[in-house]
């Protein structure tokens, strides 16, 4: 599946919004990034997947100052890992 420039711009904007909301602590706005059925994969950090924006917010709040300082984004091929 080839992505056109409109798709690439939308992806870039989404990634930028993610960084902005997380960095500024605007966790009540996570529904602007994720659908209600999102599965947020944090298994690389030894944690189970998070289901739904509320679970992502709760996990971020629970980590508090232990939250990572950097953002990790990796390319996942279409169709899964």
Protein backbone atom coordinates (compact mmCIF):
# COMPACT_ATOMS: atom_id res chain seq x y z
CA UNK A 1 0.00 0.00 0.00
CA UNK A 2 1.55 3.26 -1.10
CA UNK A 3 0.97 6.39 0.93
CA UNK A 4 0.40 9.66 -0.85
CA UNK A 5 1.50 13.05 0.45
CA UNK A 6 -1.89 13.66 2.13
CA UNK A 7 -1.54 10.41 4.09
CA UNK A 8 2.03 11.23 5.07
CA UNK A 9 1.05 14.71 6.26
CA UNK A 10 -1.82 13.31 8.33
CA UNK A 11 0.54 10.79 9.96
CA UNK A 12 3.10 13.51 10.70
CA UNK A 13 0.42 15.73 12.25
CA UNK A 14 -0.84 12.85 14.39
CA UNK A 15 2.66 12.06 15.67
CA UNK A 16 3.26 15.74 16.41
CA UNK A 17 -0.03 16.01 18.31
CA UNK A 18 0.89 12.90 20.32
CA UNK A 19 4.19 14.47 21.39
CA UNK A 20 2.52 17.78 22.21
CA UNK A 21 -0.27 16.29 24.31
CA UNK A 22 2.00 13.91 26.20
CA UNK A 23 4.74 16.50 26.80
CA UNK A 24 2.27 19.10 28.03
CA UNK A 25 0.36 16.61 30.18
CA UNK A 26 -2.92 17.16 28.33
CA UNK A 27 -3.98 13.57 28.93
CA UNK A 28 -7.69 14.44 28.90
CA UNK A 29 -7.31 15.04 25.15
CA UNK A 30 -6.07 11.54 24.28
CA UNK A 31 -9.39 10.84 22.56
CA UNK A 32 -8.18 13.25 19.84
CA UNK A 33 -5.41 10.75 19.07
CA UNK A 34 -6.94 7.37 19.70
CA UNK A 35 -10.18 5.56 18.97
CA UNK A 36 -12.01 4.08 21.96
CA UNK A 37 -10.76 0.58 21.03
CA UNK A 38 -7.06 1.51 20.84
CA UNK A 39 -4.53 -1.02 22.06
CA UNK A 40 -1.37 0.86 23.13
CA UNK A 41 1.54 -1.57 23.01
CA UNK A 42 3.96 -1.04 25.87
CA UNK A 43 5.19 -4.63 25.96
CA UNK A 44 8.72 -3.48 25.03
CA UNK A 45 8.73 -1.82 28.46
CA UNK A 46 7.64 -4.99 30.26
CA UNK A 47 4.03 -3.89 30.65
CA UNK A 48 0.83 -5.40 29.28
CA UNK A 49 -0.93 -3.61 26.41
CA UNK A 50 -3.20 -0.74 27.43
CA UNK A 51 -6.79 -0.81 26.13
CA UNK A 52 -8.51 2.53 25.52
CA UNK A 53 -7.48 6.17 26.04
CA UNK A 54 -8.46 6.09 29.74
CA UNK A 55 -6.02 3.22 30.37
CA UNK A 56 -3.25 5.16 28.64
CA UNK A 57 -3.98 8.21 30.79
CA UNK A 58 -4.12 6.13 33.98
CA UNK A 59 -0.79 4.46 33.18
CA UNK A 60 0.90 7.80 32.45
CA UNK A 61 -0.40 9.26 35.70
CA UNK A 62 0.68 6.18 37.66
CA UNK A 63 4.23 6.46 36.27
CA UNK A 64 4.40 10.14 37.18
CA UNK A 65 8.03 11.29 37.13
CA UNK A 66 9.02 7.81 35.95
CA UNK A 67 7.62 8.51 32.48
CA UNK A 68 10.25 8.32 29.74
CA UNK A 69 11.75 11.59 28.59
CA UNK A 70 12.01 10.47 24.96
CA UNK A 71 9.36 9.32 22.51
CA UNK A 72 9.73 5.91 20.93
CA UNK A 73 8.15 5.46 17.53
CA UNK A 74 8.84 2.47 15.41
CA UNK A 75 7.61 1.43 12.04
CA UNK A 76 5.25 -1.51 12.10
CA UNK A 77 4.60 -3.11 8.72
CA UNK A 78 1.00 -3.13 7.55
CA UNK A 79 -0.74 -6.21 8.83
CA UNK A 80 1.04 -6.37 12.18
CA UNK A 81 4.48 -6.94 13.58
